[in-house]
Amino acid sequence: MSSQPQLSGHILSEGETAAFAKIRDLEHQVGAIRKDVQRALAEIQELRNAVGPFLVAMKKVFSSYSGTEKSPEIAVSAAASSVWDVWKQRLGGKQSEIIEVLQLGPKTATQIKNAIGGRNSTVFAHLKKMSGMGLIVNNGGKYSLKEN
């Protein structure tokens, strides 16, 4: 939508001219705000990428307090972490917690149950459903996030 006045043979009043000038100024302000928002979003993504590995490391450190075994492997990269964040939002609840635990590395069903709480049957039901969705794999009794 253009704020330029269309002259159709009549002279604009002082009020109309001022209104068009105000609209033009507001359009410039909106454009500047959009650029600021885009810059802020890019900076937030950079921050997530920078802090992601630290967060994974801290989760490994504190997982020992919750009774889960620490894995020596680096579980997921910062880029893959954002993909799993989307899945955690979509699934929610215990399935989201399972993804969080598996981001620390492969775990047995017992380790997962101890980390998230709940009953064995419930945890196994979630693991089976997530496996059917292609999100996790069971390798030798340990579950891990499927690498894309």
Protein backbone atom coordinates (compact mmCIF):
# COMPACT_ATOMS: atom_id res chain seq x y z
CA MET A 1 0.00 0.00 0.00
CA SER A 2 1.48 3.31 -1.06
CA SER A 3 1.10 6.44 0.99
CA GLN A 4 1.73 8.71 -1.99
CA PRO A 5 -1.27 10.98 -2.60
CA GLN A 6 -2.99 10.40 -5.90
CA LEU A 7 -3.83 13.73 -7.43
CA SER A 8 -7.01 13.46 -9.36
CA GLY A 9 -7.44 17.08 -10.21
CA HIS A 10 -7.97 18.40 -6.72
CA ILE A 11 -5.55 20.17 -4.45
CA LEU A 12 -4.86 18.48 -1.14
CA SER A 13 -5.68 20.38 1.99
CA GLU A 14 -3.06 21.06 4.62
CA GLY A 15 -4.59 18.33 6.83
CA GLU A 16 -4.53 15.75 4.03
CA THR A 17 -0.91 16.57 3.21
CA ALA A 18 0.03 16.23 6.89
CA ALA A 19 -1.83 12.90 7.10
CA PHE A 20 0.04 11.51 4.08
CA ALA A 21 3.35 12.68 5.55
CA LYS A 22 2.50 10.97 8.85
CA ILE A 23 1.61 7.72 7.05
CA ARG A 24 4.90 7.86 5.13
CA ASP A 25 6.83 8.38 8.40
CA LEU A 26 5.01 5.47 10.04
CA GLU A 27 5.79 3.21 7.09
CA HIS A 28 9.50 4.06 7.47
CA GLN A 29 9.31 3.35 11.21
CA VAL A 30 7.65 -0.03 10.59
CA GLY A 31 10.38 -0.91 8.08
CA ALA A 32 13.08 0.00 10.60
CA ILE A 33 11.37 -2.05 13.32
CA ARG A 34 11.16 -5.06 10.99
CA LYS A 35 14.91 -4.81 10.33
CA ASP A 36 15.57 -4.56 14.08
CA VAL A 37 13.44 -7.66 14.72
CA GLN A 38 15.28 -9.63 12.02
CA ARG A 39 18.64 -8.60 13.52
CA ALA A 40 17.45 -9.58 17.01
CA LEU A 41 16.26 -13.00 15.77
CA ALA A 42 19.62 -13.61 14.08
CA GLU A 43 21.45 -12.64 17.29
CA ILE A 44 19.22 -14.97 19.34
CA GLN A 45 20.03 -17.85 16.98
CA GLU A 46 23.75 -17.08 17.27
CA LEU A 47 23.42 -17.10 21.05
CA ARG A 48 21.60 -20.44 20.97
CA ASN A 49 24.34 -21.90 18.79
CA ALA A 50 27.03 -20.58 21.12
CA VAL A 51 25.34 -21.67 24.36
CA GLY A 52 23.95 -25.00 23.09
CA PRO A 53 27.11 -27.07 23.66
CA PHE A 54 27.51 -25.58 27.15
CA LEU A 55 23.92 -26.47 27.99
CA VAL A 56 24.44 -30.07 26.85
CA ALA A 57 27.61 -30.27 28.95
CA MET A 58 25.81 -28.90 32.01
CA LYS A 59 23.00 -31.41 31.56
CA LYS A 60 25.63 -34.17 31.51
CA VAL A 61 27.15 -32.87 34.73
CA PHE A 62 23.84 -32.58 36.55
CA SER A 63 22.43 -35.85 35.21
CA SER A 64 24.70 -37.65 37.64
CA TYR A 65 22.69 -36.11 40.47
CA SER A 66 19.44 -37.49 39.10
CA GLY A 67 20.72 -41.07 38.96
CA THR A 68 21.34 -41.31 35.21
CA GLU A 69 24.64 -42.52 33.89
CA LYS A 70 26.78 -40.00 32.03
CA SER A 71 27.73 -40.96 28.50
CA PRO A 72 31.24 -40.25 27.22
CA GLU A 73 29.91 -39.46 23.76
CA ILE A 74 28.83 -36.03 22.66
CA ALA A 75 25.14 -36.57 22.19
CA VAL A 76 23.98 -33.97 19.69
CA SER A 77 25.39 -30.94 17.94
CA ALA A 78 23.99 -27.46 18.51
CA ALA A 79 22.29 -27.51 15.11
CA ALA A 80 20.62 -30.85 15.78
CA SER A 81 19.66 -29.58 19.22
CA SER A 82 17.35 -26.97 17.70
CA VAL A 83 15.61 -29.70 15.68
CA TRP A 84 15.03 -31.66 18.87
CA ASP A 85 13.75 -28.51 20.59
CA VAL A 86 11.00 -28.35 17.95
CA TRP A 87 10.10 -31.99 18.59
CA LYS A 88 10.03 -31.37 22.35
CA GLN A 89 7.54 -28.54 21.81
CA ARG A 90 5.39 -30.66 19.50
CA LEU A 91 5.28 -33.72 21.72
CA GLY A 92 5.35 -32.16 25.17
CA GLY A 93 5.02 -34.08 28.43
CA LYS A 94 7.05 -37.21 29.12
CA GLN A 95 8.06 -37.63 25.47
CA SER A 96 9.67 -34.20 25.60
CA GLU A 97 11.50 -35.25 28.76
CA ILE A 98 12.67 -38.46 27.06
CA ILE A 99 14.20 -36.43 24.22
CA GLU A 100 15.94 -34.21 26.77
CA VAL A 101 17.41 -37.25 28.55
CA LEU A 102 18.51 -38.85 25.27
CA GLN A 103 20.21 -35.62 24.19
CA LEU A 104 22.75 -36.48 26.89
CA GLY A 105 23.51 -39.80 25.19
CA PRO A 106 22.19 -43.37 24.88
CA LYS A 107 20.25 -44.65 27.90
CA THR A 108 18.55 -47.86 28.95
CA ALA A 109 14.83 -47.84 29.60
CA THR A 110 15.54 -48.01 33.35
CA GLN A 111 17.81 -44.97 33.18
CA ILE A 112 15.14 -43.08 31.25
CA LYS A 113 12.48 -44.10 33.77
CA ASN A 114 14.67 -42.98 36.68
CA ALA A 115 15.36 -39.65 34.98
CA ILE A 116 11.77 -38.75 34.06
CA GLY A 117 9.81 -40.68 36.68
CA GLY A 118 6.71 -42.71 35.98
CA ARG A 119 5.91 -46.39 35.61
CA ASN A 120 7.77 -48.90 33.47
CA SER A 121 4.73 -49.59 31.30
CA THR A 122 4.23 -45.87 30.61
CA VAL A 123 7.88 -45.31 29.74
CA PHE A 124 7.93 -48.35 27.43
CA ALA A 125 4.72 -47.13 25.75
CA HIS A 126 6.34 -43.74 25.06
CA LEU A 127 9.53 -45.38 23.79
CA LYS A 128 7.57 -47.66 21.47
CA LYS A 129 5.52 -44.74 20.11
CA MET A 130 8.60 -42.56 19.58
CA SER A 131 10.42 -45.47 17.93
CA GLY A 132 7.44 -45.93 15.59
CA MET A 133 7.64 -42.24 14.73
CA GLY A 134 11.28 -42.72 13.75
CA LEU A 135 12.60 -40.41 16.47
CA ILE A 136 14.57 -42.92 18.53
CA VAL A 137 16.36 -46.22 17.98
CA ASN A 138 17.04 -49.16 20.29
CA ASN A 139 20.53 -50.55 19.92
CA GLY A 140 21.53 -53.34 22.26
CA GLY A 141 19.10 -52.33 24.99
CA LYS A 142 20.05 -48.65 24.89
CA TYR A 143 17.82 -46.02 23.34
CA SER A 144 19.21 -43.02 21.48
CA LEU A 145 17.95 -40.21 19.31
CA LYS A 146 17.92 -41.07 15.64
CA GLU A 147 20.54 -39.15 13.71
CA ASN A 148 19.22 -37.38 10.63
